[in-house]
Protein backbone atom coordinates (compact mmCIF):
# COMPACT_ATOMS: atom_id res chain seq x y z
CA UNK A 1 0.00 0.00 0.00
CA UNK A 2 1.26 3.46 -0.87
CA UNK A 3 1.55 5.61 2.27
CA UNK A 4 3.32 8.71 0.97
CA UNK A 5 2.20 9.89 -2.45
CA UNK A 6 4.67 12.78 -2.56
CA UNK A 7 7.74 10.53 -2.16
CA UNK A 8 6.23 7.26 -3.43
CA UNK A 9 6.90 5.33 -0.20
CA UNK A 10 5.08 2.09 0.50
CA UNK A 11 3.95 0.74 3.85
CA UNK A 12 6.40 -2.17 3.43
CA UNK A 13 9.35 0.25 3.08
CA UNK A 14 8.28 2.10 6.20
CA UNK A 15 7.85 -1.15 8.16
CA UNK A 16 11.30 -2.40 7.09
CA UNK A 17 12.87 0.92 8.06
CA UNK A 18 11.21 0.83 11.49
CA UNK A 19 12.42 -2.72 12.09
CA UNK A 20 15.98 -1.80 11.08
CA UNK A 21 15.91 1.16 13.48
CA UNK A 22 14.61 -1.10 16.26
CA UNK A 23 17.28 -3.72 15.49
CA UNK A 24 19.93 -1.05 16.09
CA UNK A 25 18.34 0.16 19.33
CA UNK A 26 15.18 -1.57 20.56
CA UNK A 27 14.30 1.32 22.88
CA UNK A 28 14.77 4.01 20.26
CA UNK A 29 11.82 6.39 20.12
CA UNK A 30 11.00 6.41 16.43
CA UNK A 31 9.24 9.38 14.86
CA UNK A 32 8.30 10.01 11.21
CA UNK A 33 11.31 12.30 10.70
CA UNK A 34 13.71 9.45 11.61
CA UNK A 35 11.97 7.10 9.21
CA UNK A 36 12.09 9.61 6.36
CA UNK A 37 15.72 10.50 7.12
CA UNK A 38 16.67 6.82 6.95
CA UNK A 39 14.85 6.53 3.62
CA UNK A 40 16.69 9.66 2.41
CA UNK A 41 13.38 11.42 1.83
CA UNK A 42 11.72 14.38 3.46
CA UNK A 43 8.16 15.20 4.28
CA UNK A 44 6.64 17.48 1.68
CA UNK A 45 2.97 17.96 2.43
CA UNK A 46 3.28 15.79 5.62
CA UNK A 47 -0.29 14.55 5.20
CA UNK A 48 1.02 11.00 5.53
CA UNK A 49 2.67 11.56 8.94
CA UNK A 50 -0.40 10.49 10.98
CA UNK A 51 -0.48 7.21 9.05
CA UNK A 52 3.27 6.79 9.56
CA UNK A 53 2.79 7.30 13.32
CA UNK A 54 0.11 4.58 13.34
CA UNK A 55 2.48 2.26 11.44
CA UNK A 56 5.31 3.03 13.88
CA UNK A 57 3.07 2.16 16.82
CA UNK A 58 1.83 -1.07 15.23
CA UNK A 59 5.28 -2.29 14.17
CA UNK A 60 6.90 -1.29 17.47
CA UNK A 61 4.24 -3.11 19.49
CA UNK A 62 4.63 -6.30 17.45
CA UNK A 63 8.45 -6.04 17.52
CA UNK A 64 8.52 -5.83 21.31
CA UNK A 65 5.88 -8.53 21.69
CA UNK A 66 8.25 -10.89 19.85
CA UNK A 67 11.33 -9.74 21.79
CA UNK A 68 12.63 -11.14 25.06
CA UNK A 69 12.31 -7.83 26.95
CA UNK A 70 10.65 -7.68 30.33
CA UNK A 71 7.05 -6.54 30.46
CA UNK A 72 7.79 -3.38 32.47
CA UNK A 73 10.27 -2.14 29.87
CA UNK A 74 7.85 -2.72 27.03
CA UNK A 75 4.95 -0.99 28.80
CA UNK A 76 7.09 2.06 29.62
CA UNK A 77 8.28 2.35 26.04
CA UNK A 78 4.86 1.82 24.51
CA UNK A 79 3.39 4.51 26.75
CA UNK A 80 5.89 6.96 25.27
CA UNK A 81 4.99 5.79 21.77
CA UNK A 82 1.24 6.04 22.42
CA UNK A 83 1.80 9.59 23.63
CA UNK A 84 2.78 10.39 20.04
CA UNK A 85 -0.61 9.11 18.89
CA UNK A 86 -2.45 11.58 21.08
CA UNK A 87 -0.17 14.40 19.99
CA UNK A 88 0.18 13.59 16.28
CA UNK A 89 -2.45 10.88 15.76
CA UNK A 90 -4.42 10.50 12.61
CA UNK A 91 -7.46 12.59 11.92
CA UNK A 92 -10.19 11.63 9.47
CA UNK A 93 -9.13 14.13 6.82
CA UNK A 94 -5.39 14.32 7.63
CA UNK A 95 -5.69 18.08 8.01
CA UNK A 96 -6.47 18.69 4.37
CA UNK A 97 -9.38 20.63 3.01
CA UNK A 98 -12.02 18.81 0.99
CA UNK A 99 -10.74 20.22 -2.28
CA UNK A 100 -7.24 18.79 -1.68
CA UNK A 101 -8.16 15.21 -0.79
CA UNK A 102 -7.73 12.47 -3.34
CA UNK A 103 -10.81 10.54 -2.23
PDB file of N, CA and C in Angstrom:
ATOM      1  N   UNK A   1       0.845  -1.176   0.000  1.00  0.00           N
ATOM      2  CA  UNK A   1       0.000   0.000   0.000  1.00  0.00           C
ATOM      3  C   UNK A   1       0.894   1.244   0.000  1.00  0.00           C
ATOM      4  N   UNK A   2       0.535   2.203  -0.776  1.00  0.00           N
ATOM      5  CA  UNK A   2       1.263   3.460  -0.875  1.00  0.00           C
ATOM      6  C   UNK A   2       0.857   4.363   0.291  1.00  0.00           C
ATOM      7  N   UNK A   3       1.834   4.767   1.111  1.00  0.00           N
ATOM      8  CA  UNK A   3       1.553   5.613   2.266  1.00  0.00           C
ATOM      9  C   UNK A   3       1.823   7.075   1.941  1.00  0.00           C
ATOM     10  N   UNK A   4       2.943   7.343   1.298  1.00  0.00           N
ATOM     11  CA  UNK A   4       3.323   8.714   0.970  1.00  0.00           C
ATOM     12  C   UNK A   4       3.297   8.886  -0.547  1.00  0.00           C
ATOM     13  N   UNK A   5       2.330   9.661  -1.010  1.00  0.00           N
ATOM     14  CA  UNK A   5       2.196   9.885  -2.451  1.00  0.00           C
ATOM     15  C   UNK A   5       3.243  10.858  -2.969  1.00  0.00           C
ATOM     16  N   UNK A   6       3.686  11.779  -2.131  1.00  0.00           N
ATOM     17  CA  UNK A   6       4.675  12.778  -2.560  1.00  0.00           C
ATOM     18  C   UNK A   6       6.027  12.141  -2.864  1.00  0.00           C
ATOM     19  N   UNK A   7       6.430  11.167  -2.026  1.00  0.00           N
ATOM     20  CA  UNK A   7       7.738  10.532  -2.164  1.00  0.00           C
ATOM     21  C   UNK A   7       7.659   9.114  -2.710  1.00  0.00           C
ATOM     22  N   UNK A   8       6.467   8.626  -2.972  1.00  0.00           N
ATOM     23  CA  UNK A   8       6.233   7.258  -3.432  1.00  0.00           C
ATOM     24  C   UNK A   8       6.901   6.267  -2.461  1.00  0.00           C
ATOM     25  N   UNK A   9       6.393   6.238  -1.234  1.00  0.00           N
ATOM     26  CA  UNK A   9       6.895   5.333  -0.202  1.00  0.00           C
ATOM     27  C   UNK A   9       5.766   4.380   0.173  1.00  0.00           C
ATOM     28  N   UNK A  10       6.081   3.092   0.165  1.00  0.00           N
ATOM     29  CA  UNK A  10       5.082   2.094   0.498  1.00  0.00           C
ATOM     30  C   UNK A  10       5.106   1.768   1.988  1.00  0.00           C
ATOM     31  N   UNK A  11       4.031   1.145   2.448  1.00  0.00           N
ATOM     32  CA  UNK A  11       3.946   0.737   3.846  1.00  0.00           C
ATOM     33  C   UNK A  11       5.041  -0.282   4.165  1.00  0.00           C
ATOM     34  N   UNK A  12       5.357  -1.157   3.234  1.00  0.00           N
ATOM     35  CA  UNK A  12       6.398  -2.170   3.432  1.00  0.00           C
ATOM     36  C   UNK A  12       7.763  -1.502   3.657  1.00  0.00           C
ATOM     37  N   UNK A  13       8.082  -0.464   2.899  1.00  0.00           N
ATOM     38  CA  UNK A  13       9.351   0.249   3.079  1.00  0.00           C
ATOM     39  C   UNK A  13       9.417   0.888   4.458  1.00  0.00           C
ATOM     40  N   UNK A  14       8.319   1.470   4.886  1.00  0.00           N
ATOM     41  CA  UNK A  14       8.279   2.102   6.200  1.00  0.00           C
ATOM     42  C   UNK A  14       8.441   1.054   7.290  1.00  0.00           C
ATOM     43  N   UNK A  15       7.746  -0.077   7.170  1.00  0.00           N
ATOM     44  CA  UNK A  15       7.852  -1.146   8.160  1.00  0.00           C
ATOM     45  C   UNK A  15       9.278  -1.679   8.240  1.00  0.00           C
ATOM     46  N   UNK A  16       9.923  -1.908   7.101  1.00  0.00           N
ATOM     47  CA  UNK A  16      11.298  -2.405   7.086  1.00  0.00           C
ATOM     48  C   UNK A  16      12.251  -1.402   7.719  1.00  0.00           C
ATOM     49  N   UNK A  17      12.028  -0.122   7.471  1.00  0.00           N
ATOM     50  CA  UNK A  17      12.869   0.916   8.060  1.00  0.00           C
ATOM     51  C   UNK A  17      12.708   0.945   9.570  1.00  0.00           C
ATOM     52  N   UNK A  18      11.480   0.833  10.047  1.00  0.00           N
ATOM     53  CA  UNK A  18      11.214   0.834  11.487  1.00  0.00           C
ATOM     54  C   UNK A  18      11.904  -0.358  12.142  1.00  0.00           C
ATOM     55  N   UNK A  19      11.786  -1.519  11.533  1.00  0.00           N
ATOM     56  CA  UNK A  19      12.420  -2.718  12.085  1.00  0.00           C
ATOM     57  C   UNK A  19      13.932  -2.566  12.109  1.00  0.00           C
ATOM     58  N   UNK A  20      14.518  -1.989  11.077  1.00  0.00           N
ATOM     59  CA  UNK A  20      15.977  -1.800  11.078  1.00  0.00           C
ATOM     60  C   UNK A  20      16.400  -0.815  12.168  1.00  0.00           C
ATOM     61  N   UNK A  21      15.600   0.225  12.397  1.00  0.00           N
ATOM     62  CA  UNK A  21      15.907   1.156  13.482  1.00  0.00           C
ATOM     63  C   UNK A  21      15.784   0.471  14.843  1.00  0.00           C
ATOM     64  N   UNK A  22      14.776  -0.375  15.009  1.00  0.00           N
ATOM     65  CA  UNK A  22      14.605  -1.104  16.264  1.00  0.00           C
ATOM     66  C   UNK A  22      15.686  -2.157  16.458  1.00  0.00           C
ATOM     67  N   UNK A  23      16.180  -2.755  15.378  1.00  0.00           N
ATOM     68  CA  UNK A  23      17.278  -3.718  15.487  1.00  0.00           C
ATOM     69  C   UNK A  23      18.544  -3.043  16.005  1.00  0.00           C
ATOM     70  N   UNK A  24      18.764  -1.799  15.607  1.00  0.00           N
ATOM     71  CA  UNK A  24      19.930  -1.054  16.086  1.00  0.00           C
ATOM     72  C   UNK A  24      19.795  -0.693  17.559  1.00  0.00           C
ATOM     73  N   UNK A  25      18.607  -0.222  17.945  1.00  0.00           N
ATOM     74  CA  UNK A  25      18.342   0.160  19.329  1.00  0.00           C
ATOM     75  C   UNK A  25      16.868  -0.111  19.617  1.00  0.00           C
ATOM     76  N   UNK A  26      16.572  -1.207  20.333  1.00  0.00           N
ATOM     77  CA  UNK A  26      15.179  -1.574  20.561  1.00  0.00           C
ATOM     78  C   UNK A  26      14.372  -0.541  21.331  1.00  0.00           C
ATOM     79  N   UNK A  27      15.024   0.335  22.079  1.00  0.00           N
ATOM     80  CA  UNK A  27      14.299   1.316  22.880  1.00  0.00           C
ATOM     81  C   UNK A  27      14.373   2.701  22.272  1.00  0.00           C
ATOM     82  N   UNK A  28      14.731   2.761  21.012  1.00  0.00           N
ATOM     83  CA  UNK A  28      14.773   4.005  20.264  1.00  0.00           C
ATOM     84  C   UNK A  28      13.348   4.530  20.077  1.00  0.00           C
ATOM     85  N   UNK A  29      13.128   5.790  20.345  1.00  0.00           N
ATOM     86  CA  UNK A  29      11.822   6.389  20.116  1.00  0.00           C
ATOM     87  C   UNK A  29      11.776   6.859  18.665  1.00  0.00           C
ATOM     88  N   UNK A  30      11.021   6.166  17.872  1.00  0.00           N
ATOM     89  CA  UNK A  30      10.999   6.413  16.428  1.00  0.00           C
ATOM     90  C   UNK A  30       9.867   7.378  16.095  1.00  0.00           C
ATOM     91  N   UNK A  31      10.204   8.377  15.319  1.00  0.00           N
ATOM     92  CA  UNK A  31       9.243   9.383  14.864  1.00  0.00           C
ATOM     93  C   UNK A  31       9.310   9.419  13.332  1.00  0.00           C
ATOM     94  N   UNK A  32       8.293   9.978  12.678  1.00  0.00           N
ATOM     95  CA  UNK A  32       8.304  10.011  11.212  1.00  0.00           C
ATOM     96  C   UNK A  32       9.568  10.636  10.616  1.00  0.00           C
ATOM     97  N   UNK A  33      10.106  11.652  11.245  1.00  0.00           N
ATOM     98  CA  UNK A  33      11.314  12.299  10.702  1.00  0.00           C
ATOM     99  C   UNK A  33      12.487  11.324  10.641  1.00  0.00           C
ATOM    100  N   UNK A  34      12.626  10.443  11.632  1.00  0.00           N
ATOM    101  CA  UNK A  34      13.705   9.449  11.613  1.00  0.00           C
ATOM    102  C   UNK A  34      13.502   8.453  10.479  1.00  0.00           C
ATOM    103  N   UNK A  35      12.277   8.053  10.272  1.00  0.00           N
ATOM    104  CA  UNK A  35      11.973   7.102   9.205  1.00  0.00           C
ATOM    105  C   UNK A  35      12.298   7.727   7.853  1.00  0.00           C
ATOM    106  N   UNK A  36      11.850   8.943   7.644  1.00  0.00           N
ATOM    107  CA  UNK A  36      12.093   9.614   6.361  1.00  0.00           C
ATOM    108  C   UNK A  36      13.574   9.901   6.157  1.00  0.00           C
ATOM    109  N   UNK A  37      14.279  10.253   7.227  1.00  0.00           N
ATOM    110  CA  UNK A  37      15.716  10.497   7.117  1.00  0.00           C
ATOM    111  C   UNK A  37      16.438   9.221   6.698  1.00  0.00           C
ATOM    112  N   UNK A  38      16.058   8.102   7.287  1.00  0.00           N
ATOM    113  CA  UNK A  38      16.673   6.819   6.947  1.00  0.00           C
ATOM    114  C   UNK A  38      16.388   6.445   5.495  1.00  0.00           C
ATOM    115  N   UNK A  39      15.210   6.807   5.010  1.00  0.00           N
ATOM    116  CA  UNK A  39      14.846   6.530   3.615  1.00  0.00           C
ATOM    117  C   UNK A  39      15.428   7.564   2.645  1.00  0.00           C
ATOM    118  N   UNK A  40      16.114   8.550   3.196  1.00  0.00           N
ATOM    119  CA  UNK A  40      16.687   9.659   2.408  1.00  0.00           C
ATOM    120  C   UNK A  40      15.601  10.414   1.644  1.00  0.00           C
ATOM    121  N   UNK A  41      14.504  10.635   2.358  1.00  0.00           N
ATOM    122  CA  UNK A  41      13.384  11.415   1.828  1.00  0.00           C
ATOM    123  C   UNK A  41      13.065  12.495   2.847  1.00  0.00           C
ATOM    124  N   UNK A  42      12.170  13.394   2.490  1.00  0.00           N
ATOM    125  CA  UNK A  42      11.723  14.384   3.462  1.00  0.00           C
ATOM    126  C   UNK A  42      10.231  14.597   3.270  1.00  0.00           C
ATOM    127  N   UNK A  43       9.584  14.955   4.353  1.00  0.00           N
ATOM    128  CA  UNK A  43       8.159  15.205   4.279  1.00  0.00           C
ATOM    129  C   UNK A  43       7.888  16.437   3.430  1.00  0.00           C
ATOM    130  N   UNK A  44       6.980  16.327   2.525  1.00  0.00           N
ATOM    131  CA  UNK A  44       6.644  17.475   1.682  1.00  0.00           C
ATOM    132  C   UNK A  44       5.338  18.087   2.167  1.00  0.00           C
ATOM    133  N   UNK A  45       4.237  17.420   1.941  1.00  0.00           N
ATOM    134  CA  UNK A  45       2.968  17.962   2.435  1.00  0.00           C
ATOM    135  C   UNK A  45       2.706  17.483   3.864  1.00  0.00           C
ATOM    136  N   UNK A  46       3.356  16.386   4.274  1.00  0.00           N
ATOM    137  CA  UNK A  46       3.276  15.789   5.617  1.00  0.00           C
ATOM    138  C   UNK A  46       1.879  15.275   5.947  1.00  0.00           C
ATOM    139  N   UNK A  47       1.032  15.119   4.972  1.00  0.00           N
ATOM    140  CA  UNK A  47      -0.287  14.550   5.199  1.00  0.00           C
ATOM    141  C   UNK A  47      -0.237  13.081   5.557  1.00  0.00           C
ATOM    142  N   UNK A  48       0.872  12.422   5.241  1.00  0.00           N
ATOM    143  CA  UNK A  48       1.017  10.996   5.534  1.00  0.00           C
ATOM    144  C   UNK A  48       1.542  10.745   6.942  1.00  0.00           C
ATOM    145  N   UNK A  49       2.040  11.765   7.631  1.00  0.00           N
ATOM    146  CA  UNK A  49       2.665  11.563   8.940  1.00  0.00           C
ATOM    147  C   UNK A  49       1.741  10.888   9.950  1.00  0.00           C
ATOM    148  N   UNK A  50       0.453  11.225  10.031  1.00  0.00           N
ATOM    149  CA  UNK A  50      -0.400  10.492  10.981  1.00  0.00           C
ATOM    150  C   UNK A  50      -0.458   8.995  10.678  1.00  0.00           C
ATOM    151  N   UNK A  51      -0.481   8.629   9.409  1.00  0.00           N
ATOM    152  CA  UNK A  51      -0.482   7.211   9.047  1.00  0.00           C
ATOM    153  C   UNK A  51       0.864   6.559   9.372  1.00  0.00           C
ATOM    154  N   UNK A  52       1.944   7.306   9.214  1.00  0.00           N
ATOM    155  CA  UNK A  52       3.270   6.789   9.557  1.00  0.00           C
ATOM    156  C   UNK A  52       3.353   6.560  11.062  1.00  0.00           C
ATOM    157  N   UNK A  53       2.793   7.467  11.865  1.00  0.00           N
ATOM    158  CA  UNK A  53       2.787   7.298  13.322  1.00  0.00           C
ATOM    159  C   UNK A  53       2.023   6.027  13.692  1.00  0.00           C
ATOM    160  N   UNK A  54       0.882   5.795  13.065  1.00  0.00           N
ATOM    161  CA  UNK A  54       0.110   4.577  13.336  1.00  0.00           C
ATOM    162  C   UNK A  54       0.922   3.338  12.958  1.00  0.00           C
ATOM    163  N   UNK A  55       1.638   3.384  11.852  1.00  0.00           N
ATOM    164  CA  UNK A  55       2.481   2.257  11.438  1.00  0.00           C
ATOM    165  C   UNK A  55       3.610   2.045  12.422  1.00  0.00           C
ATOM    166  N   UNK A  56       4.233   3.129  12.885  1.00  0.00           N
ATOM    167  CA  UNK A  56       5.307   3.034  13.877  1.00  0.00           C
ATOM    168  C   UNK A  56       4.791   2.342  15.134  1.00  0.00           C
ATOM    169  N   UNK A  57       3.631   2.738  15.607  1.00  0.00           N
ATOM    170  CA  UNK A  57       3.067   2.155  16.823  1.00  0.00           C
ATOM    171  C   UNK A  57       2.794   0.669  16.614  1.00  0.00           C
ATOM    172  N   UNK A  58       2.167   0.328  15.509  1.00  0.00           N
ATOM    173  CA  UNK A  58       1.827  -1.066  15.234  1.00  0.00           C
ATOM    174  C   UNK A  58       3.065  -1.947  15.130  1.00  0.00           C
ATOM    175  N   UNK A  59       4.062  -1.495  14.369  1.00  0.00           N
ATOM    176  CA  UNK A  59       5.276  -2.287  14.167  1.00  0.00           C
ATOM    177  C   UNK A  59       6.080  -2.378  15.464  1.00  0.00           C
ATOM    178  N   UNK A  60       6.156  -1.282  16.218  1.00  0.00           N
ATOM    179  CA  UNK A  60       6.900  -1.288  17.474  1.00  0.00           C
ATOM    180  C   UNK A  60       6.253  -2.231  18.486  1.00  0.00           C
ATOM    181  N   UNK A  61       4.935  -2.207  18.572  1.00  0.00           N
ATOM    182  CA  UNK A  61       4.241  -3.112  19.490  1.00  0.00           C
ATOM    183  C   UNK A  61       4.502  -4.573  19.124  1.00  0.00           C
ATOM    184  N   UNK A  62       4.403  -4.912  17.855  1.00  0.00           N
ATOM    185  CA  UNK A  62       4.628  -6.300  17.453  1.00  0.00           C
ATOM    186  C   UNK A  62       6.097  -6.693  17.610  1.00  0.00           C
ATOM    187  N   UNK A  63       7.009  -5.770  17.359  1.00  0.00           N
ATOM    188  CA  UNK A  63       8.447  -6.043  17.521  1.00  0.00           C
ATOM    189  C   UNK A  63       8.751  -6.390  18.972  1.00  0.00           C
ATOM    190  N   UNK A  64       8.238  -5.593  19.897  1.00  0.00           N
ATOM    191  CA  UNK A  64       8.524  -5.829  21.314  1.00  0.00           C
ATOM    192  C   UNK A  64       7.740  -7.018  21.863  1.00  0.00           C
ATOM    193  N   UNK A  65       6.616  -7.337  21.264  1.00  0.00           N
ATOM    194  CA  UNK A  65       5.880  -8.527  21.686  1.00  0.00           C
ATOM    195  C   UNK A  65       6.672  -9.790  21.352  1.00  0.00           C
ATOM    196  N   UNK A  66       7.418  -9.748  20.248  1.00  0.00           N
ATOM    197  CA  UNK A  66       8.250 -10.886  19.850  1.00  0.00           C
ATOM    198  C   UNK A  66       9.582 -10.919  20.576  1.00  0.00           C
ATOM    199  N   UNK A  67      10.010  -9.804  21.158  1.00  0.00           N
ATOM    200  CA  UNK A  67      11.332  -9.737  21.788  1.00  0.00           C
ATOM    201  C   UNK A  67      11.314 -10.407  23.160  1.00  0.00           C
ATOM    202  N   UNK A  68      12.478 -10.504  23.755  1.00  0.00           N
ATOM    203  CA  UNK A  68      12.626 -11.139  25.062  1.00  0.00           C
ATOM    204  C   UNK A  68      12.682 -10.111  26.190  1.00  0.00           C
ATOM    205  N   UNK A  69      12.255  -8.894  25.949  1.00  0.00           N
ATOM    206  CA  UNK A  69      12.314  -7.828  26.954  1.00  0.00           C
ATOM    207  C   UNK A  69      11.302  -8.084  28.064  1.00  0.00           C
ATOM    208  N   UNK A  70      11.586  -7.516  29.225  1.00  0.00           N
ATOM    209  CA  UNK A  70      10.649  -7.677  30.335  1.00  0.00           C
ATOM    210  C   UNK A  70       9.408  -6.831  30.085  1.00  0.00           C
ATOM    211  N   UNK A  71       8.313  -7.223  30.672  1.00  0.00           N
ATOM    212  CA  UNK A  71       7.049  -6.541  30.464  1.00  0.00           C
ATOM    213  C   UNK A  71       7.055  -5.095  30.884  1.00  0.00           C
ATOM    214  N   UNK A  72       7.754  -4.761  31.977  1.00  0.00           N
ATOM    215  CA  UNK A  72       7.788  -3.382  32.469  1.00  0.00           C
ATOM    216  C   UNK A  72       8.490  -2.462  31.478  1.00  0.00           C
ATOM    217  N   UNK A  73       9.564  -2.950  30.862  1.00  0.00           N
ATOM    218  CA  UNK A  73      10.274  -2.139  29.874  1.00  0.00           C
ATOM    219  C   UNK A  73       9.400  -1.858  28.664  1.00  0.00           C
ATOM    220  N   UNK A  74       8.694  -2.865  28.204  1.00  0.00           N
ATOM    221  CA  UNK A  74       7.846  -2.717  27.027  1.00  0.00           C
ATOM    222  C   UNK A  74       6.708  -1.740  27.307  1.00  0.00           C
ATOM    223  N   UNK A  75       6.073  -1.866  28.461  1.00  0.00           N
ATOM    224  CA  UNK A  75       4.953  -0.987  28.803  1.00  0.00           C
ATOM    225  C   UNK A  75       5.418   0.455  28.883  1.00  0.00           C
ATOM    226  N   UNK A  76       6.558   0.697  29.505  1.00  0.00           N
ATOM    227  CA  UNK A  76       7.090   2.055  29.624  1.00  0.00           C
ATOM    228  C   UNK A  76       7.359   2.648  28.248  1.00  0.00           C
ATOM    229  N   UNK A  77       7.968   1.865  27.382  1.00  0.00           N
ATOM    230  CA  UNK A  77       8.284   2.351  26.039  1.00  0.00           C
ATOM    231  C   UNK A  77       7.016   2.589  25.223  1.00  0.00           C
ATOM    232  N   UNK A  78       6.084   1.669  25.288  1.00  0.00           N
ATOM    233  CA  UNK A  78       4.860   1.818  24.507  1.00  0.00           C
ATOM    234  C   UNK A  78       4.020   2.988  24.985  1.00  0.00           C
ATOM    235  N   UNK A  79       4.095   3.316  26.261  1.00  0.00           N
ATOM    236  CA  UNK A  79       3.395   4.505  26.752  1.00  0.00           C
ATOM    237  C   UNK A  79       3.959   5.759  26.094  1.00  0.00           C
ATOM    238  N   UNK A  80       5.285   5.808  25.946  1.00  0.00           N
ATOM    239  CA  UNK A  80       5.893   6.958  25.269  1.00  0.00           C
ATOM    240  C   UNK A  80       5.469   7.003  23.807  1.00  0.00           C
ATOM    241  N   UNK A  81       5.392   5.839  23.173  1.00  0.00           N
ATOM    242  CA  UNK A  81       4.994   5.786  21.768  1.00  0.00           C
ATOM    243  C   UNK A  81       3.525   6.182  21.613  1.00  0.00           C
ATOM    244  N   UNK A  82       2.669   5.698  22.504  1.00  0.00           N
ATOM    245  CA  UNK A  82       1.244   6.035  22.422  1.00  0.00           C
ATOM    246  C   UNK A  82       1.013   7.522  22.660  1.00  0.00           C
ATOM    247  N   UNK A  83       1.903   8.151  23.410  1.00  0.00           N
ATOM    248  CA  UNK A  83       1.797   9.592  23.633  1.00  0.00           C
ATOM    249  C   UNK A  83       1.901  10.341  22.301  1.00  0.00           C
ATOM    250  N   UNK A  84       2.690   9.794  21.380  1.00  0.00           N
ATOM    251  CA  UNK A  84       2.779  10.391  20.040  1.00  0.00           C
ATOM    252  C   UNK A  84       1.436  10.348  19.338  1.00  0.00           C
ATOM    253  N   UNK A  85       0.700   9.252  19.543  1.00  0.00           N
ATOM    254  CA  UNK A  85      -0.607   9.114  18.885  1.00  0.00           C
ATOM    255  C   UNK A  85      -1.548  10.228  19.314  1.00  0.00           C
ATOM    256  N   UNK A  86      -1.554  10.521  20.617  1.00  0.00           N
ATOM    257  CA  UNK A  86      -2.455  11.576  21.080  1.00  0.00           C
ATOM    258  C   UNK A  86      -1.998  12.947  20.591  1.00  0.00           C
ATOM    259  N   UNK A  87      -0.688  13.109  20.429  1.00  0.00           N
ATOM    260  CA  UNK A  87      -0.170  14.397  19.990  1.00  0.00           C
ATOM    261  C   UNK A  87      -0.254  14.554  18.475  1.00  0.00           C
ATOM    262  N   UNK A  88       0.112  13.502  17.735  1.00  0.00           N
ATOM    263  CA  UNK A  88       0.175  13.591  16.276  1.00  0.00           C
ATOM    264  C   UNK A  88      -0.739  12.603  15.574  1.00  0.00           C
ATOM    265  N   UNK A  89      -1.619  11.959  16.301  1.00  0.00           N
ATOM    266  CA  UNK A  89      -2.448  10.883  15.759  1.00  0.00           C
ATOM    267  C   UNK A  89      -3.228  11.273  14.535  1.00  0.00           C
ATOM    268  N   UNK A  90      -3.712  10.254  13.860  1.00  0.00           N
ATOM    269  CA  UNK A  90      -4.420  10.499  12.614  1.00  0.00           C
ATOM    270  C   UNK A  90      -5.779  11.137  12.863  1.00  0.00           C
ATOM    271  N   UNK A  91      -6.150  11.959  11.935  1.00  0.00           N
ATOM    272  CA  UNK A  91      -7.464  12.589  11.918  1.00  0.00           C
ATOM    273  C   UNK A  91      -8.162  12.114  10.663  1.00  0.00           C
ATOM    274  N   UNK A  92      -9.470  12.163  10.641  1.00  0.00           N
ATOM    275  CA  UNK A  92     -10.189  11.632   9.474  1.00  0.00           C
ATOM    276  C   UNK A  92      -9.766  12.248   8.148  1.00  0.00           C
ATOM    277  N   UNK A  93      -9.464  13.524   8.108  1.00  0.00           N
ATOM    278  CA  UNK A  93      -9.127  14.133   6.819  1.00  0.00           C
ATOM    279  C   UNK A  93      -7.653  14.495   6.702  1.00  0.00           C
ATOM    280  N   UNK A  94      -6.835  14.073   7.646  1.00  0.00           N
ATOM    281  CA  UNK A  94      -5.394  14.320   7.633  1.00  0.00           C
ATOM    282  C   UNK A  94      -5.065  15.799   7.542  1.00  0.00           C
ATOM    283  N   UNK A  95      -5.960  16.652   7.986  1.00  0.00           N
ATOM    284  CA  UNK A  95      -5.687  18.081   8.010  1.00  0.00           C
ATOM    285  C   UNK A  95      -5.827  18.779   6.674  1.00  0.00           C
ATOM    286  N   UNK A  96      -6.342  18.101   5.693  1.00  0.00           N
ATOM    287  CA  UNK A  96      -6.467  18.691   4.366  1.00  0.00           C
ATOM    288  C   UNK A  96      -7.903  19.162   4.153  1.00  0.00           C
ATOM    289  N   UNK A  97      -8.038  20.171   3.346  1.00  0.00           N
ATOM    290  CA  UNK A  97      -9.377  20.626   3.014  1.00  0.00           C
ATOM    291  C   UNK A  97      -9.995  19.670   2.015  1.00  0.00           C
ATOM    292  N   UNK A  98     -11.294  19.726   1.876  1.00  0.00           N
ATOM    293  CA  UNK A  98     -12.018  18.811   0.993  1.00  0.00           C
ATOM    294  C   UNK A  98     -11.501  18.896  -0.440  1.00  0.00           C
ATOM    295  N   UNK A  99     -11.163  20.058  -0.897  1.00  0.00           N
ATOM    296  CA  UNK A  99     -10.741  20.218  -2.276  1.00  0.00           C
ATOM    297  C   UNK A  99      -9.361  19.632  -2.545  1.00  0.00           C
ATOM    298  N   UNK A 100      -8.597  19.313  -1.486  1.00  0.00           N
ATOM    299  CA  UNK A 100      -7.239  18.792  -1.684  1.00  0.00           C
ATOM    300  C   UNK A 100      -7.111  17.303  -1.350  1.00  0.00           C
ATOM    301  N   UNK A 101      -8.219  16.653  -1.074  1.00  0.00           N
ATOM    302  CA  UNK A 101      -8.161  15.213  -0.788  1.00  0.00           C
ATOM    303  C   UNK A 101      -8.337  14.420  -2.062  1.00  0.00           C
ATOM    304  N   UNK A 102      -7.656  13.305  -2.140  1.00  0.00           N
ATOM    305  CA  UNK A 102      -7.729  12.470  -3.338  1.00  0.00           C
ATOM    306  C   UNK A 102      -9.058  11.716  -3.394  1.00  0.00           C
ATOM    307  N   UNK A 103      -9.567  11.329  -2.235  1.00  0.00           N
ATOM    308  CA  UNK A 103     -10.814  10.539  -2.235  1.00  0.00           C
ATOM    309  C   UNK A 103     -11.952  11.301  -1.615  1.00  0.00           C
TER     310      UNK A 103
END
